[in-house]
Amino acid sequence: HAQATVRWRLASSFPKSLDTIFGSAEMFAKTVKALSGGKFEVSVHAGGELMPAFGVVDAIQNNTVEMAQTAPYYFTGKDPIFAFGCAVPFGLTARQMDAWMEHGNGRKLMDAFYANYNIKSRSAGNTGTQMGGWYRKEIKTVADLKGLKMRLGGGLFGEAMQKLGVVAQNMPAGDVYQALEKGTLDATEFVGPYDDEKLGFNKVAPFYYYPGWWEGSAELEFFISAKAYAALTPEFQAMVDAATAVAARDMTAKYDAFNPIALKRLVGAKTQLKAFSKDIMDAGFKASMEVFAEHEAKSPEFKKIHQDMRAFQRDQLLWARYSELRFDNYMTGVKL
């Protein structure tokens, strides 16, 4: 039987220039339209177009828009639990996150939390393990972090970095270049080579560190108005679910395909790649565990989700020891 035409609006937290992340929202809209034969259309709006980049959760909660695409850890100011929907320090890799969300307890636990905000969640894709950011000076010791003014995307790693003396600042990606150029920021992290190259960070901060221990991966999410979703027919709900899966897979594949090529270009443009020392990694781990313990002491729900994620992670790490970790370590040492 004929279905009524549906029109939704999707507000992203990201600029159109990021064809990886913003492209996931566009892929979702394109897929929904194709699946519905044009009867279900979603207009996609870049960060700042309908509302500020960090205003999308309020918009979903108030039913101003039907969907958002964002990084959940941007909203830890509302509740630290938001971080588990995206990334926490020394957390899950992209495949581990996908497994926890879809076949562990992750999606169930997070959607129970998101229900307080009129949100149903679906993956919008994952960046994979991120880089450790761009710095105007070398970071050789933990002491070099003290007083460093650094843009951090949000979430619990900002608290961990503050314990190490970093002055953490949260701002949209589009504002960072100018702040680095003017010297109001000393460093920034964003994602990885492909996105970072587009944002031009290498032109104002020559030292590029790795790995981003605060983001073993970063899950971008589609936040869907629970009220708007419930009003859809079962057929349209199935289309939303299918289209988010298509968009998520496309984003992650883009990052894996494009990052290596972009990294080679950056190195060719005189970017200086630097590994964080073990001392810095150890200090980051210690500070992060302190942050988790502090939040667990204040919130039983935080503790429940964190402990569930870590139990899942322990099994994943055990398996990785005998599978991809061993294989990848070997393959990086041979000549192809």
C-alpha atoms as a PDB file:
ATOM      1  CA  HIS A   1       0.000   0.000   0.000  1.00  0.00           C
ATOM      2  CA  ALA A   2       1.108   3.573  -0.593  1.00  0.00           C
ATOM      3  CA  GLN A   3       3.099   5.172   2.186  1.00  0.00           C
ATOM      4  CA  ALA A   4       3.033   8.840   3.064  1.00  0.00           C
ATOM      5  CA  THR A   5       6.108  10.830   2.070  1.00  0.00           C
ATOM      6  CA  VAL A   6       8.497  11.537   4.965  1.00  0.00           C
ATOM      7  CA  ARG A   7      10.866  14.500   5.210  1.00  0.00           C
ATOM      8  CA  TRP A   8      13.529  14.592   7.916  1.00  0.00           C
ATOM      9  CA  ARG A   9      16.343  16.975   8.762  1.00  0.00           C
ATOM     10  CA  LEU A  10      19.761  15.771   9.922  1.00  0.00           C
ATOM     11  CA  ALA A  11      22.104  18.177  11.719  1.00  0.00           C
ATOM     12  CA  SER A  12      25.782  17.254  11.704  1.00  0.00           C
ATOM     13  CA  SER A  13      28.454  18.561  14.074  1.00  0.00           C
ATOM     14  CA  PHE A  14      30.970  18.596  11.211  1.00  0.00           C
ATOM     15  CA  PRO A  15      31.829  20.778   8.201  1.00  0.00           C
ATOM     16  CA  LYS A  16      31.108  19.739   4.620  1.00  0.00           C
ATOM     17  CA  SER A  17      34.841  19.818   3.871  1.00  0.00           C
ATOM     18  CA  LEU A  18      35.321  16.583   5.833  1.00  0.00           C
ATOM     19  CA  ASP A  19      34.116  14.145   3.189  1.00  0.00           C
ATOM     20  CA  THR A  20      34.886  11.227   5.517  1.00  0.00           C
ATOM     21  CA  ILE A  21      32.707  12.188   8.479  1.00  0.00           C
ATOM     22  CA  PHE A  22      30.187  14.531   6.850  1.00  0.00           C
ATOM     23  CA  GLY A  23      30.141  12.142   3.904  1.00  0.00           C
ATOM     24  CA  SER A  24      28.663   9.488   6.171  1.00  0.00           C
ATOM     25  CA  ALA A  25      25.594  11.672   6.743  1.00  0.00           C
ATOM     26  CA  GLU A  26      25.296  12.277   3.000  1.00  0.00           C
ATOM     27  CA  MET A  27      25.615   8.546   2.304  1.00  0.00           C
ATOM     28  CA  PHE A  28      22.840   7.849   4.811  1.00  0.00           C
ATOM     29  CA  ALA A  29      20.484  10.325   3.133  1.00  0.00           C
ATOM     30  CA  LYS A  30      21.313   9.015  -0.352  1.00  0.00           C
ATOM     31  CA  THR A  31      20.674   5.417   0.712  1.00  0.00           C
ATOM     32  CA  VAL A  32      17.365   6.152   2.445  1.00  0.00           C
ATOM     33  CA  LYS A  33      16.120   7.998  -0.628  1.00  0.00           C
ATOM     34  CA  ALA A  34      17.104   5.119  -2.919  1.00  0.00           C
ATOM     35  CA  LEU A  35      15.588   2.444  -0.674  1.00  0.00           C
ATOM     36  CA  SER A  36      12.304   4.337  -0.402  1.00  0.00           C
ATOM     37  CA  GLY A  37      12.016   5.249  -4.067  1.00  0.00           C
ATOM     38  CA  GLY A  38      12.142   8.918  -3.091  1.00  0.00           C
ATOM     39  CA  LYS A  39       9.380   8.677  -0.501  1.00  0.00           C
ATOM     40  CA  PHE A  40      11.755   9.248   2.436  1.00  0.00           C
ATOM     41  CA  GLU A  41      14.106  12.215   2.069  1.00  0.00           C
ATOM     42  CA  VAL A  42      16.599  13.507   4.609  1.00  0.00           C
ATOM     43  CA  SER A  43      18.155  16.955   4.197  1.00  0.00           C
ATOM     44  CA  VAL A  44      21.687  17.059   5.614  1.00  0.00           C
ATOM     45  CA  HIS A  45      23.020  20.195   7.300  1.00  0.00           C
ATOM     46  CA  ALA A  46      26.624  20.934   8.246  1.00  0.00           C
ATOM     47  CA  GLY A  47      27.688  22.074  11.701  1.00  0.00           C
ATOM     48  CA  GLY A  48      26.546  25.643  12.364  1.00  0.00           C
ATOM     49  CA  GLU A  49      23.947  25.655   9.594  1.00  0.00           C
ATOM     50  CA  LEU A  50      20.848  24.948  11.679  1.00  0.00           C
ATOM     51  CA  MET A  51      22.461  25.265  15.101  1.00  0.00           C
ATOM     52  CA  PRO A  52      25.931  25.328  16.668  1.00  0.00           C
ATOM     53  CA  ALA A  53      28.006  22.185  16.126  1.00  0.00           C
ATOM     54  CA  PHE A  54      27.631  21.235  19.785  1.00  0.00           C
ATOM     55  CA  GLY A  55      23.898  22.023  19.913  1.00  0.00           C
ATOM     56  CA  VAL A  56      22.656  18.889  18.187  1.00  0.00           C
ATOM     57  CA  VAL A  57      21.745  16.878  21.303  1.00  0.00           C
ATOM     58  CA  ASP A  58      19.538  19.709  22.553  1.00  0.00           C
ATOM     59  CA  ALA A  59      17.926  19.815  19.106  1.00  0.00           C
ATOM     60  CA  ILE A  60      17.117  16.089  19.213  1.00  0.00           C
ATOM     61  CA  GLN A  61      15.867  16.358  22.776  1.00  0.00           C
ATOM     62  CA  ASN A  62      13.576  19.244  21.801  1.00  0.00           C
ATOM     63  CA  ASN A  63      12.469  17.561  18.539  1.00  0.00           C
ATOM     64  CA  THR A  64      13.857  20.479  16.520  1.00  0.00           C
ATOM     65  CA  VAL A  65      15.401  17.953  14.099  1.00  0.00           C
ATOM     66  CA  GLU A  66      14.795  14.251  13.596  1.00  0.00           C
ATOM     67  CA  MET A  67      18.467  13.219  13.410  1.00  0.00           C
ATOM     68  CA  ALA A  68      21.967  14.323  14.256  1.00  0.00           C
ATOM     69  CA  GLN A  69      25.395  13.035  13.350  1.00  0.00           C
ATOM     70  CA  THR A  70      28.054  13.724  15.942  1.00  0.00           C
ATOM     71  CA  ALA A  71      30.770  12.495  18.268  1.00  0.00           C
ATOM     72  CA  PRO A  72      29.011  11.591  21.536  1.00  0.00           C
ATOM     73  CA  TYR A  73      31.981  12.596  23.705  1.00  0.00           C
ATOM     74  CA  TYR A  74      31.338  16.226  22.762  1.00  0.00           C
ATOM     75  CA  PHE A  75      28.554  16.079  25.348  1.00  0.00           C
ATOM     76  CA  THR A  76      30.345  14.821  28.445  1.00  0.00           C
ATOM     77  CA  GLY A  77      29.538  18.201  29.996  1.00  0.00           C
ATOM     78  CA  LYS A  78      25.972  16.899  30.190  1.00  0.00           C
ATOM     79  CA  ASP A  79      27.100  13.498  31.497  1.00  0.00           C
ATOM     80  CA  PRO A  80      30.480  11.698  31.295  1.00  0.00           C
ATOM     81  CA  ILE A  81      28.657   8.549  30.128  1.00  0.00           C
ATOM     82  CA  PHE A  82      28.335  10.069  26.649  1.00  0.00           C
ATOM     83  CA  ALA A  83      32.037   9.262  26.131  1.00  0.00           C
ATOM     84  CA  PHE A  84      31.395   5.514  25.972  1.00  0.00           C
ATOM     85  CA  GLY A  85      29.389   6.023  22.774  1.00  0.00           C
ATOM     86  CA  CYS A  86      32.483   7.399  21.060  1.00  0.00           C
ATOM     87  CA  ALA A  87      35.901   6.932  22.667  1.00  0.00           C
ATOM     88  CA  VAL A  88      37.569   6.751  26.065  1.00  0.00           C
ATOM     89  CA  PRO A  89      41.292   6.729  26.853  1.00  0.00           C
ATOM     90  CA  PHE A  90      42.928   3.344  26.206  1.00  0.00           C
ATOM     91  CA  GLY A  91      39.584   2.087  24.933  1.00  0.00           C
ATOM     92  CA  LEU A  92      38.408  -0.121  22.090  1.00  0.00           C
ATOM     93  CA  THR A  93      39.658  -0.284  18.515  1.00  0.00           C
ATOM     94  CA  ALA A  94      37.187   0.178  15.657  1.00  0.00           C
ATOM     95  CA  ARG A  95      36.453  -3.520  15.249  1.00  0.00           C
ATOM     96  CA  GLN A  96      36.270  -4.062  18.999  1.00  0.00           C
ATOM     97  CA  MET A  97      33.851  -1.149  19.322  1.00  0.00           C
ATOM     98  CA  ASP A  98      31.664  -2.534  16.560  1.00  0.00           C
ATOM     99  CA  ALA A  99      31.650  -5.930  18.260  1.00  0.00           C
ATOM    100  CA  TRP A 100      30.817  -4.471  21.694  1.00  0.00           C
ATOM    101  CA  MET A 101      28.065  -2.264  20.324  1.00  0.00           C
ATOM    102  CA  GLU A 102      26.356  -4.785  18.085  1.00  0.00           C
ATOM    103  CA  HIS A 103      27.061  -8.157  19.731  1.00  0.00           C
ATOM    104  CA  GLY A 104      28.060  -7.211  23.272  1.00  0.00           C
ATOM    105  CA  ASN A 105      26.102  -4.991  25.630  1.00  0.00           C
ATOM    106  CA  GLY A 106      27.299  -1.663  24.236  1.00  0.00           C
ATOM    107  CA  ARG A 107      24.309  -0.532  22.162  1.00  0.00           C
ATOM    108  CA  LYS A 108      21.825  -1.791  24.750  1.00  0.00           C
ATOM    109  CA  LEU A 109      23.576   0.018  27.601  1.00  0.00           C
ATOM    110  CA  MET A 110      24.082   3.235  25.664  1.00  0.00           C
ATOM    111  CA  ASP A 111      20.547   3.400  24.292  1.00  0.00           C
ATOM    112  CA  ALA A 112      19.185   2.918  27.817  1.00  0.00           C
ATOM    113  CA  PHE A 113      21.227   5.977  28.786  1.00  0.00           C
ATOM    114  CA  TYR A 114      20.372   7.941  25.631  1.00  0.00           C
ATOM    115  CA  ALA A 115      16.658   7.409  26.275  1.00  0.00           C
ATOM    116  CA  ASN A 116      16.947  10.252  28.800  1.00  0.00           C
ATOM    117  CA  TYR A 117      17.639  12.529  25.825  1.00  0.00           C
ATOM    118  CA  ASN A 118      15.014  11.189  23.357  1.00  0.00           C
ATOM    119  CA  ILE A 119      17.829   9.439  21.452  1.00  0.00           C
ATOM    120  CA  LYS A 120      18.144   6.120  19.642  1.00  0.00           C
ATOM    121  CA  SER A 121      21.690   5.538  18.409  1.00  0.00           C
ATOM    122  CA  ARG A 122      23.201   3.892  15.360  1.00  0.00           C
ATOM    123  CA  SER A 123      26.828   3.842  14.261  1.00  0.00           C
ATOM    124  CA  ALA A 124      27.771   6.473  11.691  1.00  0.00           C
ATOM    125  CA  GLY A 125      31.216   4.945  11.176  1.00  0.00           C
ATOM    126  CA  ASN A 126      34.546   4.851  12.948  1.00  0.00           C
ATOM    127  CA  THR A 127      37.813   6.688  12.371  1.00  0.00           C
ATOM    128  CA  GLY A 128      40.008   3.819  13.511  1.00  0.00           C
ATOM    129  CA  THR A 129      42.961   4.487  15.814  1.00  0.00           C
ATOM    130  CA  GLN A 130      43.733   8.186  15.752  1.00  0.00           C
ATOM    131  CA  MET A 131      46.953  10.132  15.748  1.00  0.00           C
ATOM    132  CA  GLY A 132      48.237  11.907  18.854  1.00  0.00           C
ATOM    133  CA  GLY A 133      47.937  15.381  17.430  1.00  0.00           C
ATOM    134  CA  TRP A 134      49.901  18.362  16.143  1.00  0.00           C
ATOM    135  CA  TYR A 135      52.312  20.314  18.329  1.00  0.00           C
ATOM    136  CA  ARG A 136      54.207  23.545  17.792  1.00  0.00           C
ATOM    137  CA  LYS A 137      57.095  22.170  19.861  1.00  0.00           C
ATOM    138  CA  GLU A 138      58.486  18.728  20.609  1.00  0.00           C
ATOM    139  CA  ILE A 139      57.004  16.733  23.495  1.00  0.00           C
ATOM    140  CA  LYS A 140      59.916  14.715  24.847  1.00  0.00           C
ATOM    141  CA  THR A 141      58.852  14.251  28.471  1.00  0.00           C
ATOM    142  CA  VAL A 142      55.721  14.436  30.596  1.00  0.00           C
ATOM    143  CA  ALA A 143      56.990  17.785  31.882  1.00  0.00           C
ATOM    144  CA  ASP A 144      56.676  19.205  28.350  1.00  0.00           C
ATOM    145  CA  LEU A 145      52.898  18.830  28.623  1.00  0.00           C
ATOM    146  CA  LYS A 146      52.585  21.186  31.576  1.00  0.00           C
ATOM    147  CA  GLY A 147      50.848  24.411  30.590  1.00  0.00           C
ATOM    148  CA  LEU A 148      50.307  23.242  27.012  1.00  0.00           C
ATOM    149  CA  LYS A 149      47.150  24.824  25.554  1.00  0.00           C
ATOM    150  CA  MET A 150      45.628  22.004  23.505  1.00  0.00           C
ATOM    151  CA  ARG A 151      42.385  21.541  21.620  1.00  0.00           C
ATOM    152  CA  LEU A 152      40.892  18.211  22.661  1.00  0.00           C
ATOM    153  CA  GLY A 153      37.704  16.978  21.048  1.00  0.00           C
ATOM    154  CA  GLY A 154      35.914  16.332  24.279  1.00  0.00           C
ATOM    155  CA  GLY A 155      35.339  13.508  26.661  1.00  0.00           C
ATOM    156  CA  LEU A 156      37.258  11.925  29.485  1.00  0.00           C
ATOM    157  CA  PHE A 157      40.670  12.302  27.879  1.00  0.00           C
ATOM    158  CA  GLY A 158      40.438  16.043  28.475  1.00  0.00           C
ATOM    159  CA  GLU A 159      40.309  15.277  32.186  1.00  0.00           C
ATOM    160  CA  ALA A 160      43.224  12.857  31.910  1.00  0.00           C
ATOM    161  CA  MET A 161      45.308  15.407  30.022  1.00  0.00           C
ATOM    162  CA  GLN A 162      44.516  18.047  32.635  1.00  0.00           C
ATOM    163  CA  LYS A 163      46.025  15.738  35.250  1.00  0.00           C
ATOM    164  CA  LEU A 164      49.202  15.845  33.155  1.00  0.00           C
ATOM    165  CA  GLY A 165      49.175  19.643  33.173  1.00  0.00           C
ATOM    166  CA  VAL A 166      47.566  20.271  29.789  1.00  0.00           C
ATOM    167  CA  VAL A 167      45.152  23.201  29.510  1.00  0.00           C
ATOM    168  CA  ALA A 168      42.393  21.372  27.619  1.00  0.00           C
ATOM    169  CA  GLN A 169      40.134  23.327  25.274  1.00  0.00           C
ATOM    170  CA  ASN A 170      37.135  22.055  23.321  1.00  0.00           C
ATOM    171  CA  MET A 171      36.319  23.847  20.070  1.00  0.00           C
ATOM    172  CA  PRO A 172      34.930  22.950  16.631  1.00  0.00           C
ATOM    173  CA  ALA A 173      37.548  21.740  14.158  1.00  0.00           C
ATOM    174  CA  GLY A 174      36.990  24.730  11.890  1.00  0.00           C
ATOM    175  CA  ASP A 175      38.253  27.177  14.535  1.00  0.00           C
ATOM    176  CA  VAL A 176      41.519  25.413  15.318  1.00  0.00           C
ATOM    177  CA  TYR A 177      43.810  26.486  12.477  1.00  0.00           C
ATOM    178  CA  GLN A 178      43.492  30.168  13.279  1.00  0.00           C
ATOM    179  CA  ALA A 179      44.025  29.548  16.991  1.00  0.00           C
ATOM    180  CA  LEU A 180      47.246  27.614  16.270  1.00  0.00           C
ATOM    181  CA  GLU A 181      48.413  30.281  13.855  1.00  0.00           C
ATOM    182  CA  LYS A 182      47.849  33.043  16.408  1.00  0.00           C
ATOM    183  CA  GLY A 183      49.457  31.036  19.220  1.00  0.00           C
ATOM    184  CA  THR A 184      46.325  30.934  21.381  1.00  0.00           C
ATOM    185  CA  LEU A 185      46.675  27.151  21.006  1.00  0.00           C
ATOM    186  CA  ASP A 186      49.940  25.222  21.294  1.00  0.00           C
ATOM    187  CA  ALA A 187      48.602  21.912  20.015  1.00  0.00           C
ATOM    188  CA  THR A 188      45.564  20.137  18.668  1.00  0.00           C
ATOM    189  CA  GLU A 189      44.335  16.657  18.036  1.00  0.00           C
ATOM    190  CA  PHE A 190      41.610  15.880  15.553  1.00  0.00           C
ATOM    191  CA  VAL A 191      41.516  12.544  13.742  1.00  0.00           C
ATOM    192  CA  GLY A 192      44.273  11.390  11.439  1.00  0.00           C
ATOM    193  CA  PRO A 193      46.235  12.212   8.287  1.00  0.00           C
ATOM    194  CA  TYR A 194      43.401  12.527   5.757  1.00  0.00           C
ATOM    195  CA  ASP A 195      41.211  14.898   7.775  1.00  0.00           C
ATOM    196  CA  ASP A 196      44.124  16.705   9.405  1.00  0.00           C
ATOM    197  CA  GLU A 197      45.702  17.450   6.022  1.00  0.00           C
ATOM    198  CA  LYS A 198      42.449  19.012   4.823  1.00  0.00           C
ATOM    199  CA  LEU A 199      42.394  21.250   7.893  1.00  0.00           C
ATOM    200  CA  GLY A 200      45.976  22.350   7.231  1.00  0.00           C
ATOM    201  CA  PHE A 201      47.345  21.711  10.708  1.00  0.00           C
ATOM    202  CA  ASN A 202      50.782  20.750   9.332  1.00  0.00           C
ATOM    203  CA  LYS A 203      51.278  24.341   8.178  1.00  0.00           C
ATOM    204  CA  VAL A 204      51.096  25.752  11.715  1.00  0.00           C
ATOM    205  CA  ALA A 205      52.288  22.862  13.921  1.00  0.00           C
ATOM    206  CA  PRO A 206      55.119  20.734  12.453  1.00  0.00           C
ATOM    207  CA  PHE A 207      55.327  17.901  15.010  1.00  0.00           C
ATOM    208  CA  TYR A 208      52.840  15.049  14.490  1.00  0.00           C
ATOM    209  CA  TYR A 209      52.702  12.546  17.359  1.00  0.00           C
ATOM    210  CA  TYR A 210      51.326   9.034  17.567  1.00  0.00           C
ATOM    211  CA  PRO A 211      49.400   7.119  18.742  1.00  0.00           C
ATOM    212  CA  GLY A 212      46.312   8.902  20.051  1.00  0.00           C
ATOM    213  CA  TRP A 213      46.104   6.837  23.232  1.00  0.00           C
ATOM    214  CA  TRP A 214      42.889   8.627  24.119  1.00  0.00           C
ATOM    215  CA  GLU A 215      41.239   7.316  20.941  1.00  0.00           C
ATOM    216  CA  GLY A 216      42.073   3.731  20.056  1.00  0.00           C
ATOM    217  CA  SER A 217      39.142   4.419  17.767  1.00  0.00           C
ATOM    218  CA  ALA A 218      36.365   6.991  17.678  1.00  0.00           C
ATOM    219  CA  GLU A 219      32.809   5.971  16.949  1.00  0.00           C
ATOM    220  CA  LEU A 220      30.726   8.632  15.238  1.00  0.00           C
ATOM    221  CA  GLU A 221      27.043   8.202  15.896  1.00  0.00           C
ATOM    222  CA  PHE A 222      23.712   8.924  14.295  1.00  0.00           C
ATOM    223  CA  PHE A 223      21.452  10.222  17.030  1.00  0.00           C
ATOM    224  CA  ILE A 224      17.850   9.608  16.004  1.00  0.00           C
ATOM    225  CA  SER A 225      14.857  11.181  17.723  1.00  0.00           C
ATOM    226  CA  ALA A 226      13.161   8.264  19.474  1.00  0.00           C
ATOM    227  CA  LYS A 227       9.837  10.048  18.991  1.00  0.00           C
ATOM    228  CA  ALA A 228      10.369  10.540  15.248  1.00  0.00           C
ATOM    229  CA  TYR A 229      11.612   6.959  14.798  1.00  0.00           C
ATOM    230  CA  ALA A 230       8.581   5.532  16.605  1.00  0.00           C
ATOM    231  CA  ALA A 231       6.290   7.486  14.262  1.00  0.00           C
ATOM    232  CA  LEU A 232       7.739   5.763  11.170  1.00  0.00           C
ATOM    233  CA  THR A 233       6.190   2.717   9.562  1.00  0.00           C
ATOM    234  CA  PRO A 234       8.083  -0.540  10.137  1.00  0.00           C
ATOM    235  CA  GLU A 235       9.270  -0.364   6.507  1.00  0.00           C
ATOM    236  CA  PHE A 236      10.751   3.101   6.965  1.00  0.00           C
ATOM    237  CA  GLN A 237      12.330   2.097  10.277  1.00  0.00           C
ATOM    238  CA  ALA A 238      14.023  -0.797   8.470  1.00  0.00           C
ATOM    239  CA  MET A 239      15.294   1.628   5.831  1.00  0.00           C
ATOM    240  CA  VAL A 240      16.799   3.886   8.501  1.00  0.00           C
ATOM    241  CA  ASP A 241      18.525   0.913  10.114  1.00  0.00           C
ATOM    242  CA  ALA A 242      19.867  -0.371   6.783  1.00  0.00           C
ATOM    243  CA  ALA A 243      21.030   3.053   5.577  1.00  0.00           C
ATOM    244  CA  THR A 244      22.954   3.778   8.791  1.00  0.00           C
ATOM    245  CA  ALA A 245      24.787   0.456   8.393  1.00  0.00           C
ATOM    246  CA  VAL A 246      25.748   1.322   4.799  1.00  0.00           C
ATOM    247  CA  ALA A 247      26.968   4.782   5.828  1.00  0.00           C
ATOM    248  CA  ALA A 248      28.963   3.480   8.799  1.00  0.00           C
ATOM    249  CA  ARG A 249      30.808   0.888   6.748  1.00  0.00           C
ATOM    250  CA  ASP A 250      31.588   3.453   4.070  1.00  0.00           C
ATOM    251  CA  MET A 251      33.118   5.917   6.537  1.00  0.00           C
ATOM    252  CA  THR A 252      35.418   3.395   8.175  1.00  0.00           C
ATOM    253  CA  ALA A 253      36.548   2.040   4.821  1.00  0.00           C
ATOM    254  CA  LYS A 254      37.322   5.582   3.618  1.00  0.00           C
ATOM    255  CA  TYR A 255      39.584   6.232   6.578  1.00  0.00           C
ATOM    256  CA  ASP A 256      41.475   2.976   6.083  1.00  0.00           C
ATOM    257  CA  ALA A 257      41.875   3.686   2.365  1.00  0.00           C
ATOM    258  CA  PHE A 258      42.796   7.385   2.513  1.00  0.00           C
ATOM    259  CA  ASN A 259      44.911   7.776   5.674  1.00  0.00           C
ATOM    260  CA  PRO A 260      48.068   5.989   4.430  1.00  0.00           C
ATOM    261  CA  ILE A 261      48.229   8.084   1.256  1.00  0.00           C
ATOM    262  CA  ALA A 262      47.651  11.317   3.170  1.00  0.00           C
ATOM    263  CA  LEU A 263      50.365  10.419   5.691  1.00  0.00           C
ATOM    264  CA  LYS A 264      52.879   9.988   2.877  1.00  0.00           C
ATOM    265  CA  ARG A 265      51.925  13.408   1.509  1.00  0.00           C
ATOM    266  CA  LEU A 266      52.307  15.031   4.921  1.00  0.00           C
ATOM    267  CA  VAL A 267      55.745  13.513   5.452  1.00  0.00           C
ATOM    268  CA  GLY A 268      56.684  14.688   1.974  1.00  0.00           C
ATOM    269  CA  ALA A 269      55.652  18.198   3.057  1.00  0.00           C
ATOM    270  CA  LYS A 270      58.159  18.084   5.961  1.00  0.00           C
ATOM    271  CA  THR A 271      55.818  16.964   8.732  1.00  0.00           C
ATOM    272  CA  GLN A 272      57.912  15.485  11.547  1.00  0.00           C
ATOM    273  CA  LEU A 273      56.448  12.203  12.793  1.00  0.00           C
ATOM    274  CA  LYS A 274      57.174  11.509  16.466  1.00  0.00           C
ATOM    275  CA  ALA A 275      56.178   8.617  18.735  1.00  0.00           C
ATOM    276  CA  PHE A 276      55.036   9.331  22.263  1.00  0.00           C
ATOM    277  CA  SER A 277      57.585   7.906  24.702  1.00  0.00           C
ATOM    278  CA  LYS A 278      56.642   4.992  26.940  1.00  0.00           C
ATOM    279  CA  ASP A 279      56.909   7.341  29.924  1.00  0.00           C
ATOM    280  CA  ILE A 280      54.274   9.630  28.406  1.00  0.00           C
ATOM    281  CA  MET A 281      52.033   6.671  27.533  1.00  0.00           C
ATOM    282  CA  ASP A 282      52.389   5.281  31.071  1.00  0.00           C
ATOM    283  CA  ALA A 283      51.597   8.673  32.591  1.00  0.00           C
ATOM    284  CA  GLY A 284      48.560   8.955  30.351  1.00  0.00           C
ATOM    285  CA  PHE A 285      47.370   5.486  31.374  1.00  0.00           C
ATOM    286  CA  LYS A 286      47.780   6.247  35.085  1.00  0.00           C
ATOM    287  CA  ALA A 287      45.937   9.566  34.770  1.00  0.00           C
ATOM    288  CA  SER A 288      43.146   7.940  32.749  1.00  0.00           C
ATOM    289  CA  MET A 289      42.591   5.173  35.283  1.00  0.00           C
ATOM    290  CA  GLU A 290      42.330   7.827  37.996  1.00  0.00           C
ATOM    291  CA  VAL A 291      39.651   9.632  35.970  1.00  0.00           C
ATOM    292  CA  PHE A 292      37.667   6.415  35.506  1.00  0.00           C
ATOM    293  CA  ALA A 293      37.871   5.632  39.224  1.00  0.00           C
ATOM    294  CA  GLU A 294      36.667   9.120  40.144  1.00  0.00           C
ATOM    295  CA  HIS A 295      33.616   8.853  37.881  1.00  0.00           C
ATOM    296  CA  GLU A 296      32.839   5.306  38.992  1.00  0.00           C
ATOM    297  CA  ALA A 297      32.744   6.537  42.595  1.00  0.00           C
ATOM    298  CA  LYS A 298      30.126   9.139  41.656  1.00  0.00           C
ATOM    299  CA  SER A 299      27.919   7.208  39.221  1.00  0.00           C
ATOM    300  CA  PRO A 300      26.781   3.563  39.439  1.00  0.00           C
ATOM    301  CA  GLU A 301      25.620   3.757  35.803  1.00  0.00           C
ATOM    302  CA  PHE A 302      29.049   4.979  34.685  1.00  0.00           C
ATOM    303  CA  LYS A 303      30.667   2.122  36.610  1.00  0.00           C
ATOM    304  CA  LYS A 304      28.325  -0.457  35.098  1.00  0.00           C
ATOM    305  CA  ILE A 305      29.048   0.622  31.511  1.00  0.00           C
ATOM    306  CA  HIS A 306      32.784   1.065  32.070  1.00  0.00           C
ATOM    307  CA  GLN A 307      33.222  -2.324  33.705  1.00  0.00           C
ATOM    308  CA  ASP A 308      31.194  -4.019  30.962  1.00  0.00           C
ATOM    309  CA  MET A 309      33.379  -2.407  28.284  1.00  0.00           C
ATOM    310  CA  ARG A 310      36.628  -3.409  30.033  1.00  0.00           C
ATOM    311  CA  ALA A 311      35.494  -7.025  30.466  1.00  0.00           C
ATOM    312  CA  PHE A 312      34.722  -7.139  26.757  1.00  0.00           C
ATOM    313  CA  GLN A 313      38.068  -5.493  25.962  1.00  0.00           C
ATOM    314  CA  ARG A 314      40.043  -8.053  27.963  1.00  0.00           C
ATOM    315  CA  ASP A 315      38.653 -10.879  25.829  1.00  0.00           C
ATOM    316  CA  GLN A 316      39.290  -8.888  22.653  1.00  0.00           C
ATOM    317  CA  LEU A 317      42.921  -8.267  23.608  1.00  0.00           C
ATOM    318  CA  LEU A 318      43.410 -11.930  24.405  1.00  0.00           C
ATOM    319  CA  TRP A 319      42.144 -12.882  20.951  1.00  0.00           C
ATOM    320  CA  ALA A 320      44.187 -10.129  19.219  1.00  0.00           C
ATOM    321  CA  ARG A 321      47.361 -11.527  20.781  1.00  0.00           C
ATOM    322  CA  TYR A 322      46.924 -14.698  18.728  1.00  0.00           C
ATOM    323  CA  SER A 323      45.410 -13.189  15.596  1.00  0.00           C
ATOM    324  CA  GLU A 324      45.761  -9.714  14.081  1.00  0.00           C
ATOM    325  CA  LEU A 325      48.373  -8.310  16.458  1.00  0.00           C
ATOM    326  CA  ARG A 326      50.813 -11.128  15.730  1.00  0.00           C
ATOM    327  CA  PHE A 327      50.038 -11.087  12.024  1.00  0.00           C
ATOM    328  CA  ASP A 328      50.318  -7.279  11.666  1.00  0.00           C
ATOM    329  CA  ASN A 329      53.569  -7.170  13.643  1.00  0.00           C
ATOM    330  CA  TYR A 330      55.077  -9.714  11.281  1.00  0.00           C
ATOM    331  CA  MET A 331      53.791  -8.092   8.101  1.00  0.00           C
ATOM    332  CA  THR A 332      55.151  -4.656   9.000  1.00  0.00           C
ATOM    333  CA  GLY A 333      58.611  -6.186   9.177  1.00  0.00           C
ATOM    334  CA  VAL A 334      58.731  -7.857   5.771  1.00  0.00           C
ATOM    335  CA  LYS A 335      59.279  -6.404   2.314  1.00  0.00           C
ATOM    336  CA  LEU A 336      56.306  -6.729  -0.033  1.00  0.00           C
END
